Amino acid sequence: ICWTANQAPLLYTNNIIRIKTSSGIEGIGATLSYTENGFDRCIIEAMR
C-alpha cells in the first residue's frame, strides 16, 4: 500500500504477543509495523 508519492509501496507486519498465565487465562496484543522492500523484523526482535 502506498501512502505518499515519496515512498515505495509499504509491506505490513502484524507483531503479535500471546501471554499465558499460571491460571490458564491468556492475553493477546499486537502492534503494526510497515517497511519498504521487505517485511519488518525490527519490532519482534525488540520484543524478544
ModelCIF file with pLDDT and N, C-alpha, C, O atoms, coordinates in Angstrom:
data_MODEL
#
_entry.id   MODEL 
#
_entity.id                         1 
_entity.type                       polymer 
_entity.pdbx_number_of_molecules   1 
#
_entity_poly.entity_id                      1 
_entity_poly.type                           'polypeptide(L)' 
_entity_poly.nstd_linkage                   no 
_entity_poly.nstd_monomer                   no 
_entity_poly.pdbx_seq_one_letter_code       ICWTANQAPLLYTNNIIRIKTSSGIEGIGATLSYTENGFDRCIIEAMR 
_entity_poly.pdbx_seq_one_letter_code_can   ICWTANQAPLLYTNNIIRIKTSSGIEGIGATLSYTENGFDRCIIEAMR 
_entity_poly.pdbx_strand_id                 A 
#
loop_
_entity_poly_seq.entity_id 
_entity_poly_seq.num 
_entity_poly_seq.mon_id 
_entity_poly_seq.hetero 
1 1  ILE n 
1 2  CYS n 
1 3  TRP n 
1 4  THR n 
1 5  ALA n 
1 6  ASN n 
1 7  GLN n 
1 8  ALA n 
1 9  PRO n 
1 10 LEU n 
1 11 LEU n 
1 12 TYR n 
1 13 THR n 
1 14 ASN n 
1 15 ASN n 
1 16 ILE n 
1 17 ILE n 
1 18 ARG n 
1 19 ILE n 
1 20 LYS n 
1 21 THR n 
1 22 SER n 
1 23 SER n 
1 24 GLY n 
1 25 ILE n 
1 26 GLU n 
1 27 GLY n 
1 28 ILE n 
1 29 GLY n 
1 30 ALA n 
1 31 THR n 
1 32 LEU n 
1 33 SER n 
1 34 TYR n 
1 35 THR n 
1 36 GLU n 
1 37 ASN n 
1 38 GLY n 
1 39 PHE n 
1 40 ASP n 
1 41 ARG n 
1 42 CYS n 
1 43 ILE n 
1 44 ILE n 
1 45 GLU n 
1 46 ALA n 
1 47 MET n 
1 48 ARG n 
#
_struct_asym.id          A 
_struct_asym.entity_id   1 
#
loop_
_ma_qa_metric.id 
_ma_qa_metric.mode 
_ma_qa_metric.name 
_ma_qa_metric.software_group_id 
_ma_qa_metric.type 
1 global pLDDT . pLDDT 
2 local  pLDDT . pLDDT 
#
_ma_qa_metric_global.metric_id      1 
_ma_qa_metric_global.metric_value   95.40 
_ma_qa_metric_global.model_id       1 
_ma_qa_metric_global.ordinal_id     1 
#
loop_
_ma_qa_metric_local.label_asym_id 
_ma_qa_metric_local.label_comp_id 
_ma_qa_metric_local.label_seq_id 
_ma_qa_metric_local.metric_id 
_ma_qa_metric_local.metric_value 
_ma_qa_metric_local.model_id 
_ma_qa_metric_local.ordinal_id 
A ILE 1  2 91.00 1 1  
A CYS 2  2 88.00 1 2  
A TRP 3  2 89.00 1 3  
A THR 4  2 91.00 1 4  
A ALA 5  2 92.00 1 5  
A ASN 6  2 90.00 1 6  
A GLN 7  2 89.00 1 7  
A ALA 8  2 91.00 1 8  
A PRO 9  2 93.00 1 9  
A LEU 10 2 94.00 1 10 
A LEU 11 2 96.00 1 11 
A TYR 12 2 95.00 1 12 
A THR 13 2 97.00 1 13 
A ASN 14 2 98.00 1 14 
A ASN 15 2 98.00 1 15 
A ILE 16 2 98.00 1 16 
A ILE 17 2 98.00 1 17 
A ARG 18 2 98.00 1 18 
A ILE 19 2 98.00 1 19 
A LYS 20 2 97.00 1 20 
A THR 21 2 97.00 1 21 
A SER 22 2 94.00 1 22 
A SER 23 2 93.00 1 23 
A GLY 24 2 95.00 1 24 
A ILE 25 2 97.00 1 25 
A GLU 26 2 98.00 1 26 
A GLY 27 2 98.00 1 27 
A ILE 28 2 98.00 1 28 
A GLY 29 2 98.00 1 29 
A ALA 30 2 98.00 1 30 
A THR 31 2 98.00 1 31 
A LEU 32 2 96.00 1 32 
A SER 33 2 96.00 1 33 
A TYR 34 2 94.00 1 34 
A THR 35 2 95.00 1 35 
A GLU 36 2 94.00 1 36 
A ASN 37 2 93.00 1 37 
A GLY 38 2 94.00 1 38 
A PHE 39 2 96.00 1 39 
A ASP 40 2 96.00 1 40 
A ARG 41 2 97.00 1 41 
A CYS 42 2 96.00 1 42 
A ILE 43 2 97.00 1 43 
A ILE 44 2 98.00 1 44 
A GLU 45 2 98.00 1 45 
A ALA 46 2 98.00 1 46 
A MET 47 2 98.00 1 47 
A ARG 48 2 98.00 1 48 
#
loop_
_atom_site.group_PDB 
_atom_site.id 
_atom_site.type_symbol 
_atom_site.label_atom_id 
_atom_site.label_alt_id 
_atom_site.label_comp_id 
_atom_site.label_asym_id 
_atom_site.label_entity_id 
_atom_site.label_seq_id 
_atom_site.pdbx_PDB_ins_code 
_atom_site.Cartn_x 
_atom_site.Cartn_y 
_atom_site.Cartn_z 
_atom_site.occupancy 
_atom_site.B_iso_or_equiv 
_atom_site.pdbx_formal_charge 
_atom_site.auth_seq_id 
_atom_site.auth_comp_id 
_atom_site.auth_asym_id 
_atom_site.auth_atom_id 
_atom_site.pdbx_PDB_model_num 
ATOM 1   N N  . ILE A 1 1  ? 0.838  -1.200  0.000  1.00 91.00 ? 1  ILE A N  1 
ATOM 2   C CA . ILE A 1 1  ? 0.000  0.000   0.000  1.00 91.00 ? 1  ILE A CA 1 
ATOM 3   C C  . ILE A 1 1  ? 0.867  1.241   0.000  1.00 91.00 ? 1  ILE A C  1 
ATOM 4   O O  . ILE A 1 1  ? 1.842  1.335   0.745  1.00 91.00 ? 1  ILE A O  1 
ATOM 5   N N  . CYS A 1 2  ? 0.503  2.189   -0.840 1.00 88.00 ? 2  CYS A N  1 
ATOM 6   C CA . CYS A 1 2  ? 1.242  3.438   -0.940 1.00 88.00 ? 2  CYS A CA 1 
ATOM 7   C C  . CYS A 1 2  ? 0.508  4.525   -0.157 1.00 88.00 ? 2  CYS A C  1 
ATOM 8   O O  . CYS A 1 2  ? -0.713 4.649   -0.253 1.00 88.00 ? 2  CYS A O  1 
ATOM 9   N N  . TRP A 1 3  ? 1.265  5.316   0.626  1.00 89.00 ? 3  TRP A N  1 
ATOM 10  C CA . TRP A 1 3  ? 0.674  6.406   1.405  1.00 89.00 ? 3  TRP A CA 1 
ATOM 11  C C  . TRP A 1 3  ? 1.074  7.780   0.895  1.00 89.00 ? 3  TRP A C  1 
ATOM 12  O O  . TRP A 1 3  ? 0.281  8.717   0.989  1.00 89.00 ? 3  TRP A O  1 
ATOM 13  N N  . THR A 1 4  ? 2.263  7.929   0.365  1.00 91.00 ? 4  THR A N  1 
ATOM 14  C CA . THR A 1 4  ? 2.730  9.210   -0.167 1.00 91.00 ? 4  THR A CA 1 
ATOM 15  C C  . THR A 1 4  ? 3.523  8.958   -1.440 1.00 91.00 ? 4  THR A C  1 
ATOM 16  O O  . THR A 1 4  ? 3.976  7.842   -1.694 1.00 91.00 ? 4  THR A O  1 
ATOM 17  N N  . ALA A 1 5  ? 3.684  10.006  -2.232 1.00 92.00 ? 5  ALA A N  1 
ATOM 18  C CA . ALA A 1 5  ? 4.378  9.853   -3.513 1.00 92.00 ? 5  ALA A CA 1 
ATOM 19  C C  . ALA A 1 5  ? 5.879  9.626   -3.348 1.00 92.00 ? 5  ALA A C  1 
ATOM 20  O O  . ALA A 1 5  ? 6.536  9.142   -4.270 1.00 92.00 ? 5  ALA A O  1 
ATOM 21  N N  . ASN A 1 6  ? 6.431  9.974   -2.172 1.00 90.00 ? 6  ASN A N  1 
ATOM 22  C CA . ASN A 1 6  ? 7.888  9.857   -1.999 1.00 90.00 ? 6  ASN A CA 1 
ATOM 23  C C  . ASN A 1 6  ? 8.304  8.526   -1.384 1.00 90.00 ? 6  ASN A C  1 
ATOM 24  O O  . ASN A 1 6  ? 9.473  8.348   -1.041 1.00 90.00 ? 6  ASN A O  1 
ATOM 25  N N  . GLN A 1 7  ? 7.364  7.581   -1.235 1.00 89.00 ? 7  GLN A N  1 
ATOM 26  C CA . GLN A 1 7  ? 7.682  6.273   -0.678 1.00 89.00 ? 7  GLN A CA 1 
ATOM 27  C C  . GLN A 1 7  ? 7.340  5.172   -1.663 1.00 89.00 ? 7  GLN A C  1 
ATOM 28  O O  . GLN A 1 7  ? 6.427  5.295   -2.479 1.00 89.00 ? 7  GLN A O  1 
ATOM 29  N N  . ALA A 1 8  ? 8.107  4.087   -1.561 1.00 91.00 ? 8  ALA A N  1 
ATOM 30  C CA . ALA A 1 8  ? 7.695  2.882   -2.273 1.00 91.00 ? 8  ALA A CA 1 
ATOM 31  C C  . ALA A 1 8  ? 6.483  2.302   -1.552 1.00 91.00 ? 8  ALA A C  1 
ATOM 32  O O  . ALA A 1 8  ? 6.302  2.571   -0.365 1.00 91.00 ? 8  ALA A O  1 
ATOM 33  N N  . PRO A 1 9  ? 5.657  1.526   -2.221 1.00 93.00 ? 9  PRO A N  1 
ATOM 34  C CA . PRO A 1 9  ? 4.534  0.872   -1.531 1.00 93.00 ? 9  PRO A CA 1 
ATOM 35  C C  . PRO A 1 9  ? 5.032  0.070   -0.329 1.00 93.00 ? 9  PRO A C  1 
ATOM 36  O O  . PRO A 1 9  ? 6.088  -0.560  -0.387 1.00 93.00 ? 9  PRO A O  1 
ATOM 37  N N  . LEU A 1 10 ? 4.261  0.101   0.760  1.00 94.00 ? 10 LEU A N  1 
ATOM 38  C CA . LEU A 1 10 ? 4.699  -0.456  2.031  1.00 94.00 ? 10 LEU A CA 1 
ATOM 39  C C  . LEU A 1 10 ? 4.119  -1.843  2.278  1.00 94.00 ? 10 LEU A C  1 
ATOM 40  O O  . LEU A 1 10 ? 2.992  -2.147  1.887  1.00 94.00 ? 10 LEU A O  1 
ATOM 41  N N  . LEU A 1 11 ? 4.920  -2.676  2.939  1.00 96.00 ? 11 LEU A N  1 
ATOM 42  C CA . LEU A 1 11 ? 4.524  -4.018  3.342  1.00 96.00 ? 11 LEU A CA 1 
ATOM 43  C C  . LEU A 1 11 ? 4.247  -4.028  4.839  1.00 96.00 ? 11 LEU A C  1 
ATOM 44  O O  . LEU A 1 11 ? 4.954  -3.371  5.603  1.00 96.00 ? 11 LEU A O  1 
ATOM 45  N N  . TYR A 1 12 ? 3.226  -4.765  5.266  1.00 95.00 ? 12 TYR A N  1 
ATOM 46  C CA . TYR A 1 12 ? 2.731  -4.681  6.639  1.00 95.00 ? 12 TYR A CA 1 
ATOM 47  C C  . TYR A 1 12 ? 2.968  -5.951  7.429  1.00 95.00 ? 12 TYR A C  1 
ATOM 48  O O  . TYR A 1 12 ? 2.685  -7.056  6.965  1.00 95.00 ? 12 TYR A O  1 
ATOM 49  N N  . THR A 1 13 ? 3.498  -5.772  8.643  1.00 97.00 ? 13 THR A N  1 
ATOM 50  C CA . THR A 1 13 ? 3.748  -6.874  9.569  1.00 97.00 ? 13 THR A CA 1 
ATOM 51  C C  . THR A 1 13 ? 2.885  -6.692  10.808 1.00 97.00 ? 13 THR A C  1 
ATOM 52  O O  . THR A 1 13 ? 2.809  -5.597  11.364 1.00 97.00 ? 13 THR A O  1 
ATOM 53  N N  . ASN A 1 14 ? 2.239  -7.761  11.235 1.00 98.00 ? 14 ASN A N  1 
ATOM 54  C CA . ASN A 1 14 ? 1.485  -7.763  12.483 1.00 98.00 ? 14 ASN A CA 1 
ATOM 55  C C  . ASN A 1 14 ? 2.341  -8.470  13.526 1.00 98.00 ? 14 ASN A C  1 
ATOM 56  O O  . ASN A 1 14 ? 2.566  -9.677  13.436 1.00 98.00 ? 14 ASN A O  1 
ATOM 57  N N  . ASN A 1 15 ? 2.816  -7.720  14.513 1.00 98.00 ? 15 ASN A N  1 
ATOM 58  C CA . ASN A 1 15 ? 3.694  -8.245  15.558 1.00 98.00 ? 15 ASN A CA 1 
ATOM 59  C C  . ASN A 1 15 ? 2.840  -8.613  16.773 1.00 98.00 ? 15 ASN A C  1 
ATOM 60  O O  . ASN A 1 15 ? 2.382  -7.740  17.510 1.00 98.00 ? 15 ASN A O  1 
ATOM 61  N N  . ILE A 1 16 ? 2.634  -9.907  16.969 1.00 98.00 ? 16 ILE A N  1 
ATOM 62  C CA . ILE A 1 16 ? 1.657  -10.407 17.932 1.00 98.00 ? 16 ILE A CA 1 
ATOM 63  C C  . ILE A 1 16 ? 2.343  -11.010 19.148 1.00 98.00 ? 16 ILE A C  1 
ATOM 64  O O  . ILE A 1 16 ? 3.363  -11.692 19.037 1.00 98.00 ? 16 ILE A O  1 
ATOM 65  N N  . ILE A 1 17 ? 1.757  -10.742 20.317 1.00 98.00 ? 17 ILE A N  1 
ATOM 66  C CA . ILE A 1 17 ? 2.200  -11.397 21.540 1.00 98.00 ? 17 ILE A CA 1 
ATOM 67  C C  . ILE A 1 17 ? 1.036  -12.216 22.095 1.00 98.00 ? 17 ILE A C  1 
ATOM 68  O O  . ILE A 1 17 ? -0.117 -11.785 22.077 1.00 98.00 ? 17 ILE A O  1 
ATOM 69  N N  . ARG A 1 18 ? 1.366  -13.393 22.582 1.00 98.00 ? 18 ARG A N  1 
ATOM 70  C CA . ARG A 1 18 ? 0.389  -14.277 23.253 1.00 98.00 ? 18 ARG A CA 1 
ATOM 71  C C  . ARG A 1 18 ? 0.970  -14.627 24.614 1.00 98.00 ? 18 ARG A C  1 
ATOM 72  O O  . ARG A 1 18 ? 1.978  -15.326 24.714 1.00 98.00 ? 18 ARG A O  1 
ATOM 73  N N  . ILE A 1 19 ? 0.319  -14.130 25.661 1.00 98.00 ? 19 ILE A N  1 
ATOM 74  C CA . ILE A 1 19 ? 0.791  -14.341 27.027 1.00 98.00 ? 19 ILE A CA 1 
ATOM 75  C C  . ILE A 1 19 ? -0.112 -15.358 27.717 1.00 98.00 ? 19 ILE A C  1 
ATOM 76  O O  . ILE A 1 19 ? -1.333 -15.203 27.730 1.00 98.00 ? 19 ILE A O  1 
ATOM 77  N N  . LYS A 1 20 ? 0.489  -16.393 28.288 1.00 97.00 ? 20 LYS A N  1 
ATOM 78  C CA . LYS A 1 20 ? -0.261 -17.381 29.054 1.00 97.00 ? 20 LYS A CA 1 
ATOM 79  C C  . LYS A 1 20 ? 0.068  -17.232 30.533 1.00 97.00 ? 20 LYS A C  1 
ATOM 80  O O  . LYS A 1 20 ? 1.203  -16.931 30.904 1.00 97.00 ? 20 LYS A O  1 
ATOM 81  N N  . THR A 1 21 ? -0.944 -17.449 31.371 1.00 97.00 ? 21 THR A N  1 
ATOM 82  C CA . THR A 1 21 ? -0.761 -17.282 32.813 1.00 97.00 ? 21 THR A CA 1 
ATOM 83  C C  . THR A 1 21 ? -0.850 -18.620 33.529 1.00 97.00 ? 21 THR A C  1 
ATOM 84  O O  . THR A 1 21 ? -1.253 -19.634 32.960 1.00 97.00 ? 21 THR A O  1 
ATOM 85  N N  . SER A 1 22 ? -0.459 -18.585 34.795 1.00 94.00 ? 22 SER A N  1 
ATOM 86  C CA . SER A 1 22 ? -0.466 -19.797 35.615 1.00 94.00 ? 22 SER A CA 1 
ATOM 87  C C  . SER A 1 22 ? -1.869 -20.345 35.831 1.00 94.00 ? 22 SER A C  1 
ATOM 88  O O  . SER A 1 22 ? -2.032 -21.519 36.162 1.00 94.00 ? 22 SER A O  1 
ATOM 89  N N  . SER A 1 23 ? -2.887 -19.499 35.646 1.00 93.00 ? 23 SER A N  1 
ATOM 90  C CA . SER A 1 23 ? -4.274 -19.946 35.840 1.00 93.00 ? 23 SER A CA 1 
ATOM 91  C C  . SER A 1 23 ? -4.894 -20.477 34.556 1.00 93.00 ? 23 SER A C  1 
ATOM 92  O O  . SER A 1 23 ? -6.010 -20.998 34.579 1.00 93.00 ? 23 SER A O  1 
ATOM 93  N N  . GLY A 1 24 ? -4.191 -20.354 33.443 1.00 95.00 ? 24 GLY A N  1 
ATOM 94  C CA . GLY A 1 24 ? -4.723 -20.808 32.163 1.00 95.00 ? 24 GLY A CA 1 
ATOM 95  C C  . GLY A 1 24 ? -5.320 -19.694 31.323 1.00 95.00 ? 24 GLY A C  1 
ATOM 96  O O  . GLY A 1 24 ? -5.580 -19.896 30.137 1.00 95.00 ? 24 GLY A O  1 
ATOM 97  N N  . ILE A 1 25 ? -5.545 -18.521 31.909 1.00 97.00 ? 25 ILE A N  1 
ATOM 98  C CA . ILE A 1 25 ? -6.043 -17.382 31.138 1.00 97.00 ? 25 ILE A CA 1 
ATOM 99  C C  . ILE A 1 25 ? -4.919 -16.853 30.265 1.00 97.00 ? 25 ILE A C  1 
ATOM 100 O O  . ILE A 1 25 ? -3.777 -16.755 30.715 1.00 97.00 ? 25 ILE A O  1 
ATOM 101 N N  . GLU A 1 26 ? -5.228 -16.512 29.020 1.00 98.00 ? 26 GLU A N  1 
ATOM 102 C CA . GLU A 1 26 ? -4.208 -15.935 28.151 1.00 98.00 ? 26 GLU A CA 1 
ATOM 103 C C  . GLU A 1 26 ? -4.666 -14.597 27.593 1.00 98.00 ? 26 GLU A C  1 
ATOM 104 O O  . GLU A 1 26 ? -5.861 -14.335 27.455 1.00 98.00 ? 26 GLU A O  1 
ATOM 105 N N  . GLY A 1 27 ? -3.696 -13.764 27.279 1.00 98.00 ? 27 GLY A N  1 
ATOM 106 C CA . GLY A 1 27 ? -3.979 -12.457 26.700 1.00 98.00 ? 27 GLY A CA 1 
ATOM 107 C C  . GLY A 1 27 ? -3.172 -12.251 25.439 1.00 98.00 ? 27 GLY A C  1 
ATOM 108 O O  . GLY A 1 27 ? -2.086 -12.808 25.280 1.00 98.00 ? 27 GLY A O  1 
ATOM 109 N N  . ILE A 1 28 ? -3.718 -11.439 24.538 1.00 98.00 ? 28 ILE A N  1 
ATOM 110 C CA . ILE A 1 28 ? -3.046 -11.165 23.274 1.00 98.00 ? 28 ILE A CA 1 
ATOM 111 C C  . ILE A 1 28 ? -2.968 -9.663  23.033 1.00 98.00 ? 28 ILE A C  1 
ATOM 112 O O  . ILE A 1 28 ? -3.782 -8.892  23.540 1.00 98.00 ? 28 ILE A O  1 
ATOM 113 N N  . GLY A 1 29 ? -1.985 -9.271  22.261 1.00 98.00 ? 29 GLY A N  1 
ATOM 114 C CA . GLY A 1 29 ? -1.812 -7.875  21.873 1.00 98.00 ? 29 GLY A CA 1 
ATOM 115 C C  . GLY A 1 29 ? -0.970 -7.836  20.620 1.00 98.00 ? 29 GLY A C  1 
ATOM 116 O O  . GLY A 1 29 ? -0.434 -8.860  20.196 1.00 98.00 ? 29 GLY A O  1 
ATOM 117 N N  . ALA A 1 30 ? -0.845 -6.661  20.024 1.00 98.00 ? 30 ALA A N  1 
ATOM 118 C CA . ALA A 1 30 ? -0.070 -6.559  18.790 1.00 98.00 ? 30 ALA A CA 1 
ATOM 119 C C  . ALA A 1 30 ? 0.261  -5.104  18.500 1.00 98.00 ? 30 ALA A C  1 
ATOM 120 O O  . ALA A 1 30 ? -0.337 -4.187  19.063 1.00 98.00 ? 30 ALA A O  1 
ATOM 121 N N  . THR A 1 31 ? 1.219  -4.915  17.617 1.00 98.00 ? 31 THR A N  1 
ATOM 122 C CA . THR A 1 31 ? 1.489  -3.614  17.031 1.00 98.00 ? 31 THR A CA 1 
ATOM 123 C C  . THR A 1 31 ? 1.844  -3.825  15.564 1.00 98.00 ? 31 THR A C  1 
ATOM 124 O O  . THR A 1 31 ? 2.406  -4.851  15.180 1.00 98.00 ? 31 THR A O  1 
ATOM 125 N N  . LEU A 1 32 ? 1.509  -2.843  14.770 1.00 96.00 ? 32 LEU A N  1 
ATOM 126 C CA . LEU A 1 32 ? 1.734  -2.887  13.326 1.00 96.00 ? 32 LEU A CA 1 
ATOM 127 C C  . LEU A 1 32 ? 3.091  -2.264  12.997 1.00 96.00 ? 32 LEU A C  1 
ATOM 128 O O  . LEU A 1 32 ? 3.482  -1.275  13.617 1.00 96.00 ? 32 LEU A O  1 
ATOM 129 N N  . SER A 1 33 ? 3.799  -2.825  12.044 1.00 96.00 ? 33 SER A N  1 
ATOM 130 C CA . SER A 1 33 ? 4.985  -2.156  11.508 1.00 96.00 ? 33 SER A CA 1 
ATOM 131 C C  . SER A 1 33 ? 4.960  -2.264  9.993  1.00 96.00 ? 33 SER A C  1 
ATOM 132 O O  . SER A 1 33 ? 4.433  -3.230  9.442  1.00 96.00 ? 33 SER A O  1 
ATOM 133 N N  . TYR A 1 34 ? 5.526  -1.276  9.325  1.00 94.00 ? 34 TYR A N  1 
ATOM 134 C CA . TYR A 1 34 ? 5.454  -1.225  7.871  1.00 94.00 ? 34 TYR A CA 1 
ATOM 135 C C  . TYR A 1 34 ? 6.777  -0.726  7.305  1.00 94.00 ? 34 TYR A C  1 
ATOM 136 O O  . TYR A 1 34 ? 7.389  0.206   7.827  1.00 94.00 ? 34 TYR A O  1 
ATOM 137 N N  . THR A 1 35 ? 7.194  -1.363  6.239  1.00 95.00 ? 35 THR A N  1 
ATOM 138 C CA . THR A 1 35 ? 8.514  -1.109  5.681  1.00 95.00 ? 35 THR A CA 1 
ATOM 139 C C  . THR A 1 35 ? 8.483  -1.244  4.156  1.00 95.00 ? 35 THR A C  1 
ATOM 140 O O  . THR A 1 35 ? 7.605  -1.889  3.583  1.00 95.00 ? 35 THR A O  1 
ATOM 141 N N  . GLU A 1 36 ? 9.461  -0.619  3.531  1.00 94.00 ? 36 GLU A N  1 
ATOM 142 C CA . GLU A 1 36 ? 9.659  -0.774  2.092  1.00 94.00 ? 36 GLU A CA 1 
ATOM 143 C C  . GLU A 1 36 ? 10.550 -1.988  1.837  1.00 94.00 ? 36 GLU A C  1 
ATOM 144 O O  . GLU A 1 36 ? 11.443 -2.290  2.629  1.00 94.00 ? 36 GLU A O  1 
ATOM 145 N N  . ASN A 1 37 ? 10.301 -2.676  0.732  1.00 93.00 ? 37 ASN A N  1 
ATOM 146 C CA . ASN A 1 37 ? 11.215 -3.702  0.208  1.00 93.00 ? 37 ASN A CA 1 
ATOM 147 C C  . ASN A 1 37 ? 11.344 -4.958  1.061  1.00 93.00 ? 37 ASN A C  1 
ATOM 148 O O  . ASN A 1 37 ? 12.278 -5.734  0.860  1.00 93.00 ? 37 ASN A O  1 
ATOM 149 N N  . GLY A 1 38 ? 10.449 -5.177  1.993  1.00 94.00 ? 38 GLY A N  1 
ATOM 150 C CA . GLY A 1 38 ? 10.512 -6.391  2.794  1.00 94.00 ? 38 GLY A CA 1 
ATOM 151 C C  . GLY A 1 38 ? 9.730  -6.233  4.082  1.00 94.00 ? 38 GLY A C  1 
ATOM 152 O O  . GLY A 1 38 ? 9.458  -5.114  4.518  1.00 94.00 ? 38 GLY A O  1 
ATOM 153 N N  . PHE A 1 39 ? 9.366  -7.362  4.697  1.00 96.00 ? 39 PHE A N  1 
ATOM 154 C CA . PHE A 1 39 ? 8.593  -7.325  5.933  1.00 96.00 ? 39 PHE A CA 1 
ATOM 155 C C  . PHE A 1 39 ? 9.499  -7.060  7.129  1.00 96.00 ? 39 PHE A C  1 
ATOM 156 O O  . PHE A 1 39 ? 10.626 -7.551  7.196  1.00 96.00 ? 39 PHE A O  1 
ATOM 157 N N  . ASP A 1 40 ? 8.989  -6.281  8.062  1.00 96.00 ? 40 ASP A N  1 
ATOM 158 C CA . ASP A 1 40 ? 9.778  -5.804  9.195  1.00 96.00 ? 40 ASP A CA 1 
ATOM 159 C C  . ASP A 1 40 ? 10.070 -6.903  10.214 1.00 96.00 ? 40 ASP A C  1 
ATOM 160 O O  . ASP A 1 40 ? 9.200  -7.712  10.539 1.00 96.00 ? 40 ASP A O  1 
ATOM 161 N N  . ARG A 1 41 ? 11.308 -6.920  10.712 1.00 97.00 ? 41 ARG A N  1 
ATOM 162 C CA . ARG A 1 41 ? 11.695 -7.793  11.813 1.00 97.00 ? 41 ARG A CA 1 
ATOM 163 C C  . ARG A 1 41 ? 12.159 -6.996  13.037 1.00 97.00 ? 41 ARG A C  1 
ATOM 164 O O  . ARG A 1 41 ? 12.451 -7.580  14.081 1.00 97.00 ? 41 ARG A O  1 
ATOM 165 N N  . CYS A 1 42 ? 12.227 -5.690  12.916 1.00 96.00 ? 42 CYS A N  1 
ATOM 166 C CA . CYS A 1 42 ? 12.789 -4.873  13.999 1.00 96.00 ? 42 CYS A CA 1 
ATOM 167 C C  . CYS A 1 42 ? 11.956 -4.957  15.272 1.00 96.00 ? 42 CYS A C  1 
ATOM 168 O O  . CYS A 1 42 ? 12.502 -5.092  16.367 1.00 96.00 ? 42 CYS A O  1 
ATOM 169 N N  . ILE A 1 43 ? 10.635 -4.879  15.131 1.00 97.00 ? 43 ILE A N  1 
ATOM 170 C CA . ILE A 1 43 ? 9.789  -4.840  16.314 1.00 97.00 ? 43 ILE A CA 1 
ATOM 171 C C  . ILE A 1 43 ? 9.825  -6.164  17.071 1.00 97.00 ? 43 ILE A C  1 
ATOM 172 O O  . ILE A 1 43 ? 9.975  -6.166  18.293 1.00 97.00 ? 43 ILE A O  1 
ATOM 173 N N  . ILE A 1 44 ? 9.690  -7.285  16.372 1.00 98.00 ? 44 ILE A N  1 
ATOM 174 C CA . ILE A 1 44 ? 9.701  -8.558  17.084 1.00 98.00 ? 44 ILE A CA 1 
ATOM 175 C C  . ILE A 1 44 ? 11.064 -8.822  17.726 1.00 98.00 ? 44 ILE A C  1 
ATOM 176 O O  . ILE A 1 44 ? 11.138 -9.443  18.787 1.00 98.00 ? 44 ILE A O  1 
ATOM 177 N N  . GLU A 1 45 ? 12.131 -8.361  17.097 1.00 98.00 ? 45 GLU A N  1 
ATOM 178 C CA . GLU A 1 45 ? 13.451 -8.544  17.700 1.00 98.00 ? 45 GLU A CA 1 
ATOM 179 C C  . GLU A 1 45 ? 13.587 -7.707  18.969 1.00 98.00 ? 45 GLU A C  1 
ATOM 180 O O  . GLU A 1 45 ? 14.226 -8.132  19.931 1.00 98.00 ? 45 GLU A O  1 
ATOM 181 N N  . ALA A 1 46 ? 12.979 -6.504  18.971 1.00 98.00 ? 46 ALA A N  1 
ATOM 182 C CA . ALA A 1 46 ? 12.976 -5.689  20.188 1.00 98.00 ? 46 ALA A CA 1 
ATOM 183 C C  . ALA A 1 46 ? 12.102 -6.327  21.261 1.00 98.00 ? 46 ALA A C  1 
ATOM 184 O O  . ALA A 1 46 ? 12.466 -6.328  22.437 1.00 98.00 ? 46 ALA A O  1 
ATOM 185 N N  . MET A 1 47 ? 10.946 -6.872  20.862 1.00 98.00 ? 47 MET A N  1 
ATOM 186 C CA . MET A 1 47 ? 10.078 -7.559  21.820 1.00 98.00 ? 47 MET A CA 1 
ATOM 187 C C  . MET A 1 47 ? 10.781 -8.774  22.424 1.00 98.00 ? 47 MET A C  1 
ATOM 188 O O  . MET A 1 47 ? 10.575 -9.109  23.590 1.00 98.00 ? 47 MET A O  1 
ATOM 189 N N  . ARG A 1 48 ? 11.610 -9.424  21.614 1.00 98.00 ? 48 ARG A N  1 
ATOM 190 C CA . ARG A 1 48 ? 12.346 -10.607 22.087 1.00 98.00 ? 48 ARG A CA 1 
ATOM 191 C C  . ARG A 1 48 ? 13.240 -10.272 23.275 1.00 98.00 ? 48 ARG A C  1 
ATOM 192 O O  . ARG A 1 48 ? 13.928 -11.150 23.796 1.00 98.00 ? 48 ARG A O  1 
#
